[in-house]
mmCIF file of all heavy atoms, coordinates in Angstrom:
data_MODEL
# 
_entry.id   MODEL 
# 
loop_
_atom_site.group_PDB 
_atom_site.id 
_atom_site.type_symbol 
_atom_site.label_atom_id 
_atom_site.label_alt_id 
_atom_site.label_comp_id 
_atom_site.label_asym_id 
_atom_site.label_entity_id 
_atom_site.label_seq_id 
_atom_site.pdbx_PDB_ins_code 
_atom_site.Cartn_x 
_atom_site.Cartn_y 
_atom_site.Cartn_z 
_atom_site.occupancy 
_atom_site.B_iso_or_equiv 
_atom_site.pdbx_formal_charge 
_atom_site.auth_seq_id 
_atom_site.auth_comp_id 
_atom_site.auth_asym_id 
_atom_site.auth_atom_id 
_atom_site.pdbx_PDB_model_num 
ATOM 1   N N   . PRO A 1 1  ? 83.983  95.335 123.586 1.00 0.00 ? 1  PRO A N   1 
ATOM 2   C CA  . PRO A 1 1  ? 85.083  94.456 124.037 1.00 0.00 ? 1  PRO A CA  1 
ATOM 3   C C   . PRO A 1 1  ? 85.116  93.112 123.201 1.00 0.00 ? 1  PRO A C   1 
ATOM 4   O O   . PRO A 1 1  ? 84.097  92.615 122.823 1.00 0.00 ? 1  PRO A O   1 
ATOM 5   C CB  . PRO A 1 1  ? 84.838  94.128 125.461 1.00 0.00 ? 1  PRO A CB  1 
ATOM 6   C CG  . PRO A 1 1  ? 83.404  94.513 125.661 1.00 0.00 ? 1  PRO A CG  1 
ATOM 7   C CD  . PRO A 1 1  ? 83.017  95.513 124.686 1.00 0.00 ? 1  PRO A CD  1 
ATOM 8   N N   . GLY A 1 2  ? 86.366  92.724 122.914 1.00 0.00 ? 2  GLY A N   1 
ATOM 9   C CA  . GLY A 1 2  ? 86.508  91.445 122.154 1.00 0.00 ? 2  GLY A CA  1 
ATOM 10  C C   . GLY A 1 2  ? 86.441  91.635 120.641 1.00 0.00 ? 2  GLY A C   1 
ATOM 11  O O   . GLY A 1 2  ? 86.688  90.631 119.904 1.00 0.00 ? 2  GLY A O   1 
ATOM 12  N N   . LEU A 1 3  ? 86.192  92.791 120.241 1.00 0.00 ? 3  LEU A N   1 
ATOM 13  C CA  . LEU A 1 3  ? 86.076  92.967 118.758 1.00 0.00 ? 3  LEU A CA  1 
ATOM 14  C C   . LEU A 1 3  ? 87.469  92.943 118.047 1.00 0.00 ? 3  LEU A C   1 
ATOM 15  O O   . LEU A 1 3  ? 87.531  92.781 116.851 1.00 0.00 ? 3  LEU A O   1 
ATOM 16  C CB  . LEU A 1 3  ? 85.356  94.293 118.433 1.00 0.00 ? 3  LEU A CB  1 
ATOM 17  C CG  . LEU A 1 3  ? 84.862  94.489 116.988 1.00 0.00 ? 3  LEU A CG  1 
ATOM 18  C CD1 . LEU A 1 3  ? 83.789  93.430 116.725 1.00 0.00 ? 3  LEU A CD1 1 
ATOM 19  C CD2 . LEU A 1 3  ? 84.295  95.870 116.809 1.00 0.00 ? 3  LEU A CD2 1 
ATOM 20  N N   . GLY A 1 4  ? 88.509  93.176 118.797 1.00 0.00 ? 4  GLY A N   1 
ATOM 21  C CA  . GLY A 1 4  ? 89.946  93.189 118.215 1.00 0.00 ? 4  GLY A CA  1 
ATOM 22  C C   . GLY A 1 4  ? 90.241  91.959 117.419 1.00 0.00 ? 4  GLY A C   1 
ATOM 23  O O   . GLY A 1 4  ? 90.798  92.004 116.314 1.00 0.00 ? 4  GLY A O   1 
ATOM 24  N N   . SER A 1 5  ? 89.846  90.843 117.854 1.00 0.00 ? 5  SER A N   1 
ATOM 25  C CA  . SER A 1 5  ? 90.130  89.511 117.216 1.00 0.00 ? 5  SER A CA  1 
ATOM 26  C C   . SER A 1 5  ? 89.371  89.511 115.890 1.00 0.00 ? 5  SER A C   1 
ATOM 27  O O   . SER A 1 5  ? 89.885  89.082 114.844 1.00 0.00 ? 5  SER A O   1 
ATOM 28  C CB  . SER A 1 5  ? 89.646  88.343 118.062 1.00 0.00 ? 5  SER A CB  1 
ATOM 29  O OG  . SER A 1 5  ? 90.375  88.357 119.297 1.00 0.00 ? 5  SER A OG  1 
ATOM 30  N N   . LEU A 1 6  ? 88.131  89.968 115.936 1.00 0.00 ? 6  LEU A N   1 
ATOM 31  C CA  . LEU A 1 6  ? 87.275  89.987 114.672 1.00 0.00 ? 6  LEU A CA  1 
ATOM 32  C C   . LEU A 1 6  ? 87.937  90.928 113.707 1.00 0.00 ? 6  LEU A C   1 
ATOM 33  O O   . LEU A 1 6  ? 87.983  90.682 112.430 1.00 0.00 ? 6  LEU A O   1 
ATOM 34  C CB  . LEU A 1 6  ? 85.934  90.349 114.986 1.00 0.00 ? 6  LEU A CB  1 
ATOM 35  C CG  . LEU A 1 6  ? 84.794  89.977 114.052 1.00 0.00 ? 6  LEU A CG  1 
ATOM 36  C CD1 . LEU A 1 6  ? 84.843  88.574 113.655 1.00 0.00 ? 6  LEU A CD1 1 
ATOM 37  C CD2 . LEU A 1 6  ? 83.481  90.357 114.611 1.00 0.00 ? 6  LEU A CD2 1 
ATOM 38  N N   . LEU A 1 7  ? 88.378  92.140 114.085 1.00 0.00 ? 7  LEU A N   1 
ATOM 39  C CA  . LEU A 1 7  ? 89.088  93.098 113.233 1.00 0.00 ? 7  LEU A CA  1 
ATOM 40  C C   . LEU A 1 7  ? 90.278  92.538 112.669 1.00 0.00 ? 7  LEU A C   1 
ATOM 41  O O   . LEU A 1 7  ? 90.538  92.665 111.364 1.00 0.00 ? 7  LEU A O   1 
ATOM 42  C CB  . LEU A 1 7  ? 89.399  94.382 113.974 1.00 0.00 ? 7  LEU A CB  1 
ATOM 43  C CG  . LEU A 1 7  ? 88.271  95.263 114.430 1.00 0.00 ? 7  LEU A CG  1 
ATOM 44  C CD1 . LEU A 1 7  ? 88.708  96.236 115.430 1.00 0.00 ? 7  LEU A CD1 1 
ATOM 45  C CD2 . LEU A 1 7  ? 87.825  96.052 113.114 1.00 0.00 ? 7  LEU A CD2 1 
ATOM 46  N N   . LEU A 1 8  ? 91.129  91.900 113.487 1.00 0.00 ? 8  LEU A N   1 
ATOM 47  C CA  . LEU A 1 8  ? 92.356  91.301 112.976 1.00 0.00 ? 8  LEU A CA  1 
ATOM 48  C C   . LEU A 1 8  ? 92.049  90.150 111.915 1.00 0.00 ? 8  LEU A C   1 
ATOM 49  O O   . LEU A 1 8  ? 92.698  90.076 110.888 1.00 0.00 ? 8  LEU A O   1 
ATOM 50  C CB  . LEU A 1 8  ? 93.193  90.746 114.081 1.00 0.00 ? 8  LEU A CB  1 
ATOM 51  C CG  . LEU A 1 8  ? 94.541  90.196 113.703 1.00 0.00 ? 8  LEU A CG  1 
ATOM 52  C CD1 . LEU A 1 8  ? 95.398  91.122 112.914 1.00 0.00 ? 8  LEU A CD1 1 
ATOM 53  C CD2 . LEU A 1 8  ? 95.236  89.538 114.926 1.00 0.00 ? 8  LEU A CD2 1 
ATOM 54  N N   . ALA A 1 9  ? 91.119  89.340 112.201 1.00 0.00 ? 9  ALA A N   1 
ATOM 55  C CA  . ALA A 1 9  ? 90.754  88.307 111.183 1.00 0.00 ? 9  ALA A CA  1 
ATOM 56  C C   . ALA A 1 9  ? 90.317  88.825 109.898 1.00 0.00 ? 9  ALA A C   1 
ATOM 57  O O   . ALA A 1 9  ? 90.687  88.351 108.847 1.00 0.00 ? 9  ALA A O   1 
ATOM 58  C CB  . ALA A 1 9  ? 89.657  87.389 111.913 1.00 0.00 ? 9  ALA A CB  1 
ATOM 59  N N   . ASP A 1 10 ? 89.509  89.914 109.986 1.00 0.00 ? 10 ASP A N   1 
ATOM 60  C CA  . ASP A 1 10 ? 89.080  90.577 108.705 1.00 0.00 ? 10 ASP A CA  1 
ATOM 61  C C   . ASP A 1 10 ? 90.317  91.165 107.989 1.00 0.00 ? 10 ASP A C   1 
ATOM 62  O O   . ASP A 1 10 ? 90.413  91.044 106.653 1.00 0.00 ? 10 ASP A O   1 
ATOM 63  C CB  . ASP A 1 10 ? 88.051  91.675 108.984 1.00 0.00 ? 10 ASP A CB  1 
ATOM 64  C CG  . ASP A 1 10 ? 87.373  92.084 107.756 1.00 0.00 ? 10 ASP A CG  1 
ATOM 65  O OD1 . ASP A 1 10 ? 86.477  91.373 107.289 1.00 0.00 ? 10 ASP A OD1 1 
ATOM 66  O OD2 . ASP A 1 10 ? 87.768  93.157 107.090 1.00 0.00 ? 10 ASP A OD2 1 
ATOM 67  N N   . ALA A 1 11 ? 91.159  91.806 108.657 1.00 0.00 ? 11 ALA A N   1 
ATOM 68  C CA  . ALA A 1 11 ? 92.356  92.412 108.091 1.00 0.00 ? 11 ALA A CA  1 
ATOM 69  C C   . ALA A 1 11 ? 93.286  91.350 107.505 1.00 0.00 ? 11 ALA A C   1 
ATOM 70  O O   . ALA A 1 11 ? 93.774  91.432 106.285 1.00 0.00 ? 11 ALA A O   1 
ATOM 71  C CB  . ALA A 1 11 ? 93.105  93.224 109.156 1.00 0.00 ? 11 ALA A CB  1 
ATOM 72  N N   . LEU A 1 12 ? 93.442  90.240 108.187 1.00 0.00 ? 12 LEU A N   1 
ATOM 73  C CA  . LEU A 1 12 ? 94.320  89.122 107.632 1.00 0.00 ? 12 LEU A CA  1 
ATOM 74  C C   . LEU A 1 12 ? 93.686  88.536 106.418 1.00 0.00 ? 12 LEU A C   1 
ATOM 75  O O   . LEU A 1 12 ? 94.335  88.271 105.358 1.00 0.00 ? 12 LEU A O   1 
ATOM 76  C CB  . LEU A 1 12 ? 94.500  88.037 108.639 1.00 0.00 ? 12 LEU A CB  1 
ATOM 77  C CG  . LEU A 1 12 ? 95.321  88.406 109.856 1.00 0.00 ? 12 LEU A CG  1 
ATOM 78  C CD1 . LEU A 1 12 ? 95.408  87.219 110.908 1.00 0.00 ? 12 LEU A CD1 1 
ATOM 79  C CD2 . LEU A 1 12 ? 96.759  88.779 109.509 1.00 0.00 ? 12 LEU A CD2 1 
ATOM 80  N N   . ALA A 1 13 ? 92.300  88.452 106.372 1.00 0.00 ? 13 ALA A N   1 
ATOM 81  C CA  . ALA A 1 13 ? 91.685  87.936 105.201 1.00 0.00 ? 13 ALA A CA  1 
ATOM 82  C C   . ALA A 1 13 ? 91.838  88.796 104.054 1.00 0.00 ? 13 ALA A C   1 
ATOM 83  O O   . ALA A 1 13 ? 92.011  88.452 102.869 1.00 0.00 ? 13 ALA A O   1 
ATOM 84  C CB  . ALA A 1 13 ? 90.185  87.638 105.538 1.00 0.00 ? 13 ALA A CB  1 
ATOM 85  N N   . ARG A 1 14 ? 91.766  90.129 104.214 1.00 0.00 ? 14 ARG A N   1 
ATOM 86  C CA  . ARG A 1 14 ? 91.974  91.136 103.249 1.00 0.00 ? 14 ARG A CA  1 
ATOM 87  C C   . ARG A 1 14 ? 93.371  91.102 102.611 1.00 0.00 ? 14 ARG A C   1 
ATOM 88  O O   . ARG A 1 14 ? 93.587  91.207 101.425 1.00 0.00 ? 14 ARG A O   1 
ATOM 89  C CB  . ARG A 1 14 ? 91.614  92.585 103.656 1.00 0.00 ? 14 ARG A CB  1 
ATOM 90  C CG  . ARG A 1 14 ? 90.191  92.890 103.597 1.00 0.00 ? 14 ARG A CG  1 
ATOM 91  C CD  . ARG A 1 14 ? 89.943  94.310 103.908 1.00 0.00 ? 14 ARG A CD  1 
ATOM 92  N NE  . ARG A 1 14 ? 88.584  94.492 104.507 1.00 0.00 ? 14 ARG A NE  1 
ATOM 93  C CZ  . ARG A 1 14 ? 87.532  94.594 103.781 1.00 0.00 ? 14 ARG A CZ  1 
ATOM 94  N NH1 . ARG A 1 14 ? 87.583  94.524 102.452 1.00 0.00 ? 14 ARG A NH1 1 
ATOM 95  N NH2 . ARG A 1 14 ? 86.398  94.670 104.412 1.00 0.00 ? 14 ARG A NH2 1 
ATOM 96  N N   . CYS A 1 15 ? 94.371  90.953 103.562 1.00 0.00 ? 15 CYS A N   1 
ATOM 97  C CA  . CYS A 1 15 ? 95.738  90.821 103.180 1.00 0.00 ? 15 CYS A CA  1 
ATOM 98  C C   . CYS A 1 15 ? 95.969  89.612 102.199 1.00 0.00 ? 15 CYS A C   1 
ATOM 99  O O   . CYS A 1 15 ? 96.668  89.723 101.283 1.00 0.00 ? 15 CYS A O   1 
ATOM 100 C CB  . CYS A 1 15 ? 96.681  90.758 104.376 1.00 0.00 ? 15 CYS A CB  1 
ATOM 101 S SG  . CYS A 1 15 ? 96.728  92.327 105.318 1.00 0.00 ? 15 CYS A SG  1 
ATOM 102 N N   . VAL A 1 16 ? 95.388  88.479 102.699 1.00 0.00 ? 16 VAL A N   1 
ATOM 103 C CA  . VAL A 1 16 ? 95.595  87.243 101.895 1.00 0.00 ? 16 VAL A CA  1 
ATOM 104 C C   . VAL A 1 16 ? 94.901  87.430 100.508 1.00 0.00 ? 16 VAL A C   1 
ATOM 105 O O   . VAL A 1 16 ? 95.545  87.052 99.491  1.00 0.00 ? 16 VAL A O   1 
ATOM 106 C CB  . VAL A 1 16 ? 95.007  86.091 102.661 1.00 0.00 ? 16 VAL A CB  1 
ATOM 107 C CG1 . VAL A 1 16 ? 94.849  84.840 101.693 1.00 0.00 ? 16 VAL A CG1 1 
ATOM 108 C CG2 . VAL A 1 16 ? 95.824  85.680 103.880 1.00 0.00 ? 16 VAL A CG2 1 
ATOM 109 N N   . ALA A 1 17 ? 93.773  88.065 100.490 1.00 0.00 ? 17 ALA A N   1 
ATOM 110 C CA  . ALA A 1 17 ? 93.043  88.236 99.186  1.00 0.00 ? 17 ALA A CA  1 
ATOM 111 C C   . ALA A 1 17 ? 93.889  89.146 98.316  1.00 0.00 ? 17 ALA A C   1 
ATOM 112 O O   . ALA A 1 17 ? 94.081  88.950 97.137  1.00 0.00 ? 17 ALA A O   1 
ATOM 113 C CB  . ALA A 1 17 ? 91.740  88.801 99.410  1.00 0.00 ? 17 ALA A CB  1 
ATOM 114 N N   . ALA A 1 18 ? 94.438  90.220 98.942  1.00 0.00 ? 18 ALA A N   1 
ATOM 115 C CA  . ALA A 1 18 ? 95.193  91.221 98.108  1.00 0.00 ? 18 ALA A CA  1 
ATOM 116 C C   . ALA A 1 18 ? 96.500  90.601 97.558  1.00 0.00 ? 18 ALA A C   1 
ATOM 117 O O   . ALA A 1 18 ? 96.961  90.978 96.504  1.00 0.00 ? 18 ALA A O   1 
ATOM 118 C CB  . ALA A 1 18 ? 95.570  92.470 98.953  1.00 0.00 ? 18 ALA A CB  1 
ATOM 119 N N   . SER A 1 19 ? 97.084  89.712 98.355  1.00 0.00 ? 19 SER A N   1 
ATOM 120 C CA  . SER A 1 19 ? 98.358  89.088 97.948  1.00 0.00 ? 19 SER A CA  1 
ATOM 121 C C   . SER A 1 19 ? 98.250  88.223 96.737  1.00 0.00 ? 19 SER A C   1 
ATOM 122 O O   . SER A 1 19 ? 99.202  87.849 96.113  1.00 0.00 ? 19 SER A O   1 
ATOM 123 C CB  . SER A 1 19 ? 98.962  88.329 99.104  1.00 0.00 ? 19 SER A CB  1 
ATOM 124 O OG  . SER A 1 19 ? 98.292  87.123 99.296  1.00 0.00 ? 19 SER A OG  1 
ATOM 125 N N   . THR A 1 20 ? 96.956  87.828 96.297  1.00 0.00 ? 20 THR A N   1 
ATOM 126 C CA  . THR A 1 20 ? 96.807  87.074 95.092  1.00 0.00 ? 20 THR A CA  1 
ATOM 127 C C   . THR A 1 20 ? 96.849  88.044 93.836  1.00 0.00 ? 20 THR A C   1 
ATOM 128 O O   . THR A 1 20 ? 96.994  87.570 92.806  1.00 0.00 ? 20 THR A O   1 
ATOM 129 C CB  . THR A 1 20 ? 95.422  86.304 95.134  1.00 0.00 ? 20 THR A CB  1 
ATOM 130 O OG1 . THR A 1 20 ? 94.311  87.254 95.106  1.00 0.00 ? 20 THR A OG1 1 
ATOM 131 C CG2 . THR A 1 20 ? 95.452  85.437 96.326  1.00 0.00 ? 20 THR A CG2 1 
ATOM 132 N N   . GLN A 1 21 ? 96.699  89.308 94.105  1.00 0.00 ? 21 GLN A N   1 
ATOM 133 C CA  . GLN A 1 21 ? 96.715  90.278 92.989  1.00 0.00 ? 21 GLN A CA  1 
ATOM 134 C C   . GLN A 1 21 ? 98.022  91.108 92.964  1.00 0.00 ? 21 GLN A C   1 
ATOM 135 O O   . GLN A 1 21 ? 98.545  91.499 91.907  1.00 0.00 ? 21 GLN A O   1 
ATOM 136 C CB  . GLN A 1 21 ? 95.540  91.279 93.179  1.00 0.00 ? 21 GLN A CB  1 
ATOM 137 C CG  . GLN A 1 21 ? 94.207  90.608 93.124  1.00 0.00 ? 21 GLN A CG  1 
ATOM 138 C CD  . GLN A 1 21 ? 93.894  90.044 91.806  1.00 0.00 ? 21 GLN A CD  1 
ATOM 139 O OE1 . GLN A 1 21 ? 93.985  90.710 90.791  1.00 0.00 ? 21 GLN A OE1 1 
ATOM 140 N NE2 . GLN A 1 21 ? 93.450  88.798 91.654  1.00 0.00 ? 21 GLN A NE2 1 
ATOM 141 N N   . ILE A 1 22 ? 98.577  91.348 94.115  1.00 0.00 ? 22 ILE A N   1 
ATOM 142 C CA  . ILE A 1 22 ? 99.846  92.105 94.270  1.00 0.00 ? 22 ILE A CA  1 
ATOM 143 C C   . ILE A 1 22 ? 100.680 91.367 95.316  1.00 0.00 ? 22 ILE A C   1 
ATOM 144 O O   . ILE A 1 22 ? 100.333 91.160 96.423  1.00 0.00 ? 22 ILE A O   1 
ATOM 145 C CB  . ILE A 1 22 ? 99.540  93.599 94.767  1.00 0.00 ? 22 ILE A CB  1 
ATOM 146 C CG1 . ILE A 1 22 ? 98.674  94.379 93.745  1.00 0.00 ? 22 ILE A CG1 1 
ATOM 147 C CG2 . ILE A 1 22 ? 100.861 94.290 94.949  1.00 0.00 ? 22 ILE A CG2 1 
ATOM 148 C CD1 . ILE A 1 22 ? 98.152  95.724 94.285  1.00 0.00 ? 22 ILE A CD1 1 
ATOM 149 N N   . ALA A 1 23 ? 101.864 90.974 94.896  1.00 0.00 ? 23 ALA A N   1 
ATOM 150 C CA  . ALA A 1 23 ? 102.671 90.133 95.654  1.00 0.00 ? 23 ALA A CA  1 
ATOM 151 C C   . ALA A 1 23 ? 102.893 90.734 97.049  1.00 0.00 ? 23 ALA A C   1 
ATOM 152 O O   . ALA A 1 23 ? 103.304 91.908 97.092  1.00 0.00 ? 23 ALA A O   1 
ATOM 153 C CB  . ALA A 1 23 ? 104.005 89.835 94.925  1.00 0.00 ? 23 ALA A CB  1 
ATOM 154 N N   . ALA A 1 24 ? 102.831 89.967 98.107  1.00 0.00 ? 24 ALA A N   1 
ATOM 155 C CA  . ALA A 1 24 ? 103.233 90.405 99.429  1.00 0.00 ? 24 ALA A CA  1 
ATOM 156 C C   . ALA A 1 24 ? 103.574 89.093 100.204 1.00 0.00 ? 24 ALA A C   1 
ATOM 157 O O   . ALA A 1 24 ? 102.794 88.169 100.193 1.00 0.00 ? 24 ALA A O   1 
ATOM 158 C CB  . ALA A 1 24 ? 102.058 91.081 100.157 1.00 0.00 ? 24 ALA A CB  1 
ATOM 159 N N   . THR A 1 25 ? 104.759 89.038 100.730 1.00 0.00 ? 25 THR A N   1 
ATOM 160 C CA  . THR A 1 25 ? 105.341 87.921 101.419 1.00 0.00 ? 25 THR A CA  1 
ATOM 161 C C   . THR A 1 25 ? 104.940 87.936 102.892 1.00 0.00 ? 25 THR A C   1 
ATOM 162 O O   . THR A 1 25 ? 104.765 86.927 103.516 1.00 0.00 ? 25 THR A O   1 
ATOM 163 C CB  . THR A 1 25 ? 106.849 87.785 101.294 1.00 0.00 ? 25 THR A CB  1 
ATOM 164 O OG1 . THR A 1 25 ? 107.172 87.901 99.870  1.00 0.00 ? 25 THR A OG1 1 
ATOM 165 C CG2 . THR A 1 25 ? 107.406 86.548 101.891 1.00 0.00 ? 25 THR A CG2 1 
ATOM 166 N N   . LEU A 1 26 ? 104.822 89.185 103.435 1.00 0.00 ? 26 LEU A N   1 
ATOM 167 C CA  . LEU A 1 26 ? 104.574 89.305 104.890 1.00 0.00 ? 26 LEU A CA  1 
ATOM 168 C C   . LEU A 1 26 ? 103.385 90.189 105.254 1.00 0.00 ? 26 LEU A C   1 
ATOM 169 O O   . LEU A 1 26 ? 103.064 91.089 104.429 1.00 0.00 ? 26 LEU A O   1 
ATOM 170 C CB  . LEU A 1 26 ? 105.819 90.021 105.484 1.00 0.00 ? 26 LEU A CB  1 
ATOM 171 C CG  . LEU A 1 26 ? 107.183 89.510 105.290 1.00 0.00 ? 26 LEU A CG  1 
ATOM 172 C CD1 . LEU A 1 26 ? 108.268 90.384 105.747 1.00 0.00 ? 26 LEU A CD1 1 
ATOM 173 C CD2 . LEU A 1 26 ? 107.340 88.016 105.987 1.00 0.00 ? 26 LEU A CD2 1 
ATOM 174 N N   . ILE A 1 27 ? 102.870 90.085 106.390 1.00 0.00 ? 27 ILE A N   1 
ATOM 175 C CA  . ILE A 1 27 ? 101.962 90.997 107.002 1.00 0.00 ? 27 ILE A CA  1 
ATOM 176 C C   . ILE A 1 27 ? 102.701 91.589 108.161 1.00 0.00 ? 27 ILE A C   1 
ATOM 177 O O   . ILE A 1 27 ? 103.208 90.812 109.014 1.00 0.00 ? 27 ILE A O   1 
ATOM 178 C CB  . ILE A 1 27 ? 100.653 90.313 107.472 1.00 0.00 ? 27 ILE A CB  1 
ATOM 179 C CG1 . ILE A 1 27 ? 99.981  89.696 106.271 1.00 0.00 ? 27 ILE A CG1 1 
ATOM 180 C CG2 . ILE A 1 27 ? 99.740  91.381 108.114 1.00 0.00 ? 27 ILE A CG2 1 
ATOM 181 C CD1 . ILE A 1 27 ? 98.797  88.849 106.582 1.00 0.00 ? 27 ILE A CD1 1 
# 
């Protein structure tokens, strides 16, 4: 329980990192 927030934080961090290599305006 409670791991969902940690999963989402990791996913958002990966999205931000990827957007520096391949353009993405939205998640």
